[in-house]
Amino acid sequence: MGISILCFSQEGCMGCSEQAPINREVEKDLVVSIEEIDIVKNPRFVRQYHLRVTPTTIILLNGEEKRRFEGLVHREELEAALRPLL
């Protein structure tokens, strides 16, 4: 199964619009894929992952949550959390 990176967002969220380009940089630098999920279009994830704010970024390893960032996460912090898992 490996590593999964989920970023939950919604349209009109300032932090979400700032998070998107950071995610693209991390994807490029670490050669990973970050799945961006709109919680308005996919509300089931709110309950499934107990989401409280957007953006929320969750790192899963073999389906187990390893790290969660609520709110904007800077590139350096996200990369530092990912590197040991790759």
N, C-alpha and C. Protein backbone atom coordinates (compact mmCIF):
# COMPACT_ATOMS: atom_id res chain seq x y z
N MET A 1 0.83 -1.19 0.00
CA MET A 1 0.00 0.00 0.00
C MET A 1 0.87 1.25 0.00
N GLY A 2 1.86 1.34 0.88
CA GLY A 2 2.79 2.45 0.85
C GLY A 2 2.27 3.73 1.44
N ILE A 3 2.84 4.82 0.98
CA ILE A 3 2.52 6.14 1.53
C ILE A 3 1.42 6.81 0.71
N SER A 4 0.49 7.45 1.43
CA SER A 4 -0.57 8.24 0.81
C SER A 4 -0.57 9.60 1.50
N ILE A 5 -0.70 10.65 0.71
CA ILE A 5 -0.75 12.00 1.25
C ILE A 5 -2.06 12.61 0.77
N LEU A 6 -2.90 12.96 1.72
CA LEU A 6 -4.21 13.52 1.42
C LEU A 6 -4.24 14.96 1.90
N CYS A 7 -4.72 15.87 1.06
CA CYS A 7 -4.87 17.26 1.44
C CYS A 7 -6.33 17.64 1.23
N PHE A 8 -7.02 17.91 2.34
CA PHE A 8 -8.44 18.24 2.29
C PHE A 8 -8.60 19.76 2.24
N SER A 9 -9.42 20.21 1.31
CA SER A 9 -9.58 21.64 1.10
C SER A 9 -11.02 21.94 0.68
N GLN A 10 -11.29 23.22 0.49
CA GLN A 10 -12.58 23.64 -0.04
C GLN A 10 -12.41 24.96 -0.77
N GLU A 11 -13.27 25.17 -1.74
CA GLU A 11 -13.22 26.39 -2.54
C GLU A 11 -13.47 27.61 -1.66
N GLY A 12 -12.72 28.67 -1.90
CA GLY A 12 -12.88 29.90 -1.15
C GLY A 12 -12.05 29.98 0.11
N CYS A 13 -11.35 28.92 0.44
CA CYS A 13 -10.50 28.87 1.64
C CYS A 13 -9.14 29.48 1.30
N MET A 14 -8.77 30.57 1.99
CA MET A 14 -7.50 31.25 1.71
C MET A 14 -6.30 30.33 1.95
N GLY A 15 -6.31 29.63 3.08
CA GLY A 15 -5.21 28.72 3.39
C GLY A 15 -5.08 27.61 2.36
N CYS A 16 -6.23 27.14 1.86
CA CYS A 16 -6.23 26.08 0.84
C CYS A 16 -5.59 26.57 -0.44
N SER A 17 -5.90 27.80 -0.83
CA SER A 17 -5.33 28.33 -2.07
C SER A 17 -3.82 28.56 -1.91
N GLU A 18 -3.36 28.80 -0.69
CA GLU A 18 -1.92 28.93 -0.44
C GLU A 18 -1.25 27.56 -0.36
N GLN A 19 -1.98 26.55 0.10
CA GLN A 19 -1.42 25.21 0.27
C GLN A 19 -1.17 24.53 -1.07
N ALA A 20 -2.04 24.75 -2.05
CA ALA A 20 -1.94 24.06 -3.34
C ALA A 20 -0.57 24.21 -4.01
N PRO A 21 -0.01 25.43 -4.14
CA PRO A 21 1.31 25.53 -4.78
C PRO A 21 2.43 24.91 -3.93
N ILE A 22 2.27 24.93 -2.62
CA ILE A 22 3.26 24.27 -1.75
C ILE A 22 3.24 22.77 -2.03
N ASN A 23 2.03 22.21 -2.15
CA ASN A 23 1.91 20.77 -2.45
C ASN A 23 2.58 20.43 -3.77
N ARG A 24 2.41 21.28 -4.79
CA ARG A 24 3.04 21.02 -6.09
C ARG A 24 4.56 20.99 -5.96
N GLU A 25 5.12 21.90 -5.18
CA GLU A 25 6.58 21.93 -4.98
C GLU A 25 7.06 20.67 -4.28
N VAL A 26 6.34 20.24 -3.26
CA VAL A 26 6.71 19.02 -2.52
C VAL A 26 6.61 17.81 -3.44
N GLU A 27 5.56 17.74 -4.24
CA GLU A 27 5.42 16.63 -5.19
C GLU A 27 6.62 16.56 -6.11
N LYS A 28 7.03 17.69 -6.62
CA LYS A 28 8.15 17.76 -7.55
C LYS A 28 9.47 17.41 -6.86
N ASP A 29 9.71 17.99 -5.69
CA ASP A 29 10.98 17.78 -4.98
C ASP A 29 11.16 16.35 -4.48
N LEU A 30 10.09 15.75 -3.97
CA LEU A 30 10.20 14.42 -3.37
C LEU A 30 9.66 13.30 -4.26
N VAL A 31 9.17 13.65 -5.42
CA VAL A 31 8.58 12.69 -6.36
C VAL A 31 7.51 11.85 -5.65
N VAL A 32 6.54 12.57 -5.09
CA VAL A 32 5.39 11.95 -4.44
C VAL A 32 4.12 12.53 -5.06
N SER A 33 3.00 11.93 -4.72
CA SER A 33 1.72 12.42 -5.20
C SER A 33 0.89 12.83 -3.99
N ILE A 34 0.34 14.03 -4.04
CA ILE A 34 -0.54 14.52 -2.97
C ILE A 34 -1.94 14.62 -3.56
N GLU A 35 -2.85 13.86 -2.97
CA GLU A 35 -4.23 13.84 -3.45
C GLU A 35 -5.00 14.97 -2.79
N GLU A 36 -5.50 15.88 -3.58
CA GLU A 36 -6.28 17.00 -3.06
C GLU A 36 -7.76 16.63 -3.15
N ILE A 37 -8.45 16.75 -2.01
CA ILE A 37 -9.84 16.34 -1.92
C ILE A 37 -10.68 17.51 -1.44
N ASP A 38 -11.68 17.86 -2.22
CA ASP A 38 -12.62 18.93 -1.87
C ASP A 38 -13.66 18.34 -0.92
N ILE A 39 -13.70 18.84 0.33
CA ILE A 39 -14.61 18.26 1.31
C ILE A 39 -16.07 18.62 1.05
N VAL A 40 -16.32 19.66 0.28
CA VAL A 40 -17.70 20.01 -0.06
C VAL A 40 -18.26 18.97 -1.04
N LYS A 41 -17.43 18.56 -1.98
CA LYS A 41 -17.85 17.56 -2.97
C LYS A 41 -17.75 16.14 -2.43
N ASN A 42 -16.95 15.94 -1.38
CA ASN A 42 -16.72 14.62 -0.79
C ASN A 42 -16.90 14.68 0.73
N PRO A 43 -18.11 14.96 1.21
CA PRO A 43 -18.32 15.18 2.65
C PRO A 43 -18.08 13.94 3.52
N ARG A 44 -18.08 12.76 2.93
CA ARG A 44 -17.88 11.55 3.75
C ARG A 44 -16.51 11.55 4.44
N PHE A 45 -15.55 12.25 3.84
CA PHE A 45 -14.21 12.29 4.42
C PHE A 45 -14.16 13.10 5.72
N VAL A 46 -15.09 14.03 5.89
CA VAL A 46 -15.12 14.84 7.11
C VAL A 46 -15.29 13.92 8.32
N ARG A 47 -16.22 13.01 8.25
CA ARG A 47 -16.44 12.05 9.34
C ARG A 47 -15.33 11.01 9.40
N GLN A 48 -14.96 10.49 8.24
CA GLN A 48 -13.97 9.41 8.20
C GLN A 48 -12.65 9.83 8.84
N TYR A 49 -12.21 11.05 8.58
CA TYR A 49 -10.91 11.52 9.08
C TYR A 49 -11.06 12.56 10.20
N HIS A 50 -12.28 12.76 10.69
CA HIS A 50 -12.52 13.70 11.80
C HIS A 50 -11.92 15.07 11.51
N LEU A 51 -12.25 15.60 10.34
CA LEU A 51 -11.70 16.89 9.91
C LEU A 51 -12.39 18.03 10.64
N ARG A 52 -11.57 19.01 11.06
CA ARG A 52 -12.09 20.18 11.78
C ARG A 52 -11.83 21.48 11.03
N VAL A 53 -10.76 21.51 10.24
CA VAL A 53 -10.39 22.74 9.52
C VAL A 53 -9.88 22.37 8.13
N THR A 54 -9.86 23.38 7.26
CA THR A 54 -9.20 23.22 5.97
C THR A 54 -8.17 24.32 5.85
N PRO A 55 -7.06 24.05 5.23
CA PRO A 55 -6.66 22.74 4.74
C PRO A 55 -6.21 21.83 5.88
N THR A 56 -6.39 20.54 5.68
CA THR A 56 -5.83 19.52 6.56
C THR A 56 -5.07 18.55 5.66
N THR A 57 -3.82 18.29 6.03
CA THR A 57 -2.99 17.36 5.28
C THR A 57 -2.71 16.16 6.18
N ILE A 58 -2.97 14.96 5.66
CA ILE A 58 -2.77 13.73 6.43
C ILE A 58 -1.82 12.83 5.66
N ILE A 59 -0.82 12.34 6.36
CA ILE A 59 0.14 11.39 5.79
C ILE A 59 -0.20 10.01 6.33
N LEU A 60 -0.48 9.08 5.42
CA LEU A 60 -0.80 7.70 5.79
C LEU A 60 0.32 6.79 5.31
N LEU A 61 0.67 5.83 6.12
CA LEU A 61 1.63 4.80 5.73
C LEU A 61 0.94 3.46 5.91
N ASN A 62 0.75 2.73 4.82
CA ASN A 62 0.02 1.47 4.83
C ASN A 62 -1.35 1.62 5.49
N GLY A 63 -2.01 2.75 5.23
CA GLY A 63 -3.35 3.00 5.74
C GLY A 63 -3.40 3.56 7.15
N GLU A 64 -2.28 3.64 7.84
CA GLU A 64 -2.23 4.15 9.21
C GLU A 64 -1.77 5.60 9.22
N GLU A 65 -2.52 6.45 9.93
CA GLU A 65 -2.16 7.85 9.99
C GLU A 65 -0.84 8.03 10.75
N LYS A 66 0.11 8.66 10.09
CA LYS A 66 1.42 8.91 10.70
C LYS A 66 1.59 10.36 11.12
N ARG A 67 0.95 11.27 10.39
CA ARG A 67 1.10 12.70 10.70
C ARG A 67 -0.09 13.46 10.15
N ARG A 68 -0.50 14.48 10.89
CA ARG A 68 -1.61 15.33 10.48
C ARG A 68 -1.21 16.78 10.69
N PHE A 69 -1.51 17.59 9.69
CA PHE A 69 -1.28 19.03 9.77
C PHE A 69 -2.63 19.71 9.57
N GLU A 70 -3.07 20.47 10.55
CA GLU A 70 -4.32 21.22 10.43
C GLU A 70 -3.95 22.67 10.16
N GLY A 71 -4.46 23.19 9.05
CA GLY A 71 -4.09 24.52 8.61
C GLY A 71 -2.94 24.46 7.62
N LEU A 72 -2.47 25.60 7.24
CA LEU A 72 -1.39 25.70 6.25
C LEU A 72 -0.12 25.06 6.79
N VAL A 73 0.51 24.20 5.99
CA VAL A 73 1.77 23.59 6.37
C VAL A 73 2.82 24.04 5.36
N HIS A 74 3.92 24.55 5.87
CA HIS A 74 4.97 25.04 5.00
C HIS A 74 5.76 23.88 4.38
N ARG A 75 6.33 24.17 3.26
CA ARG A 75 7.04 23.16 2.47
C ARG A 75 8.09 22.43 3.29
N GLU A 76 8.92 23.16 4.01
CA GLU A 76 10.01 22.54 4.77
C GLU A 76 9.47 21.57 5.82
N GLU A 77 8.41 21.95 6.48
CA GLU A 77 7.82 21.10 7.52
C GLU A 77 7.19 19.84 6.92
N LEU A 78 6.51 20.00 5.80
CA LEU A 78 5.89 18.85 5.14
C LEU A 78 6.95 17.90 4.61
N GLU A 79 7.98 18.45 3.98
CA GLU A 79 9.05 17.59 3.47
C GLU A 79 9.77 16.87 4.61
N ALA A 80 10.00 17.55 5.72
CA ALA A 80 10.67 16.92 6.87
C ALA A 80 9.84 15.77 7.43
N ALA A 81 8.53 15.89 7.40
CA ALA A 81 7.65 14.82 7.87
C ALA A 81 7.63 13.64 6.91
N LEU A 82 7.77 13.92 5.62
CA LEU A 82 7.69 12.87 4.60
C LEU A 82 8.98 12.08 4.42
N ARG A 83 10.11 12.76 4.49
CA ARG A 83 11.39 12.11 4.16
C ARG A 83 11.64 10.79 4.89
N PRO A 84 11.42 10.71 6.20
CA PRO A 84 11.68 9.43 6.89
C PRO A 84 10.76 8.29 6.45
N LEU A 85 9.63 8.62 5.84
CA LEU A 85 8.67 7.61 5.43
C LEU A 85 8.88 7.12 3.99
N LEU A 86 9.72 7.81 3.26
CA LEU A 86 9.94 7.45 1.85
C LEU A 86 11.01 6.38 1.69
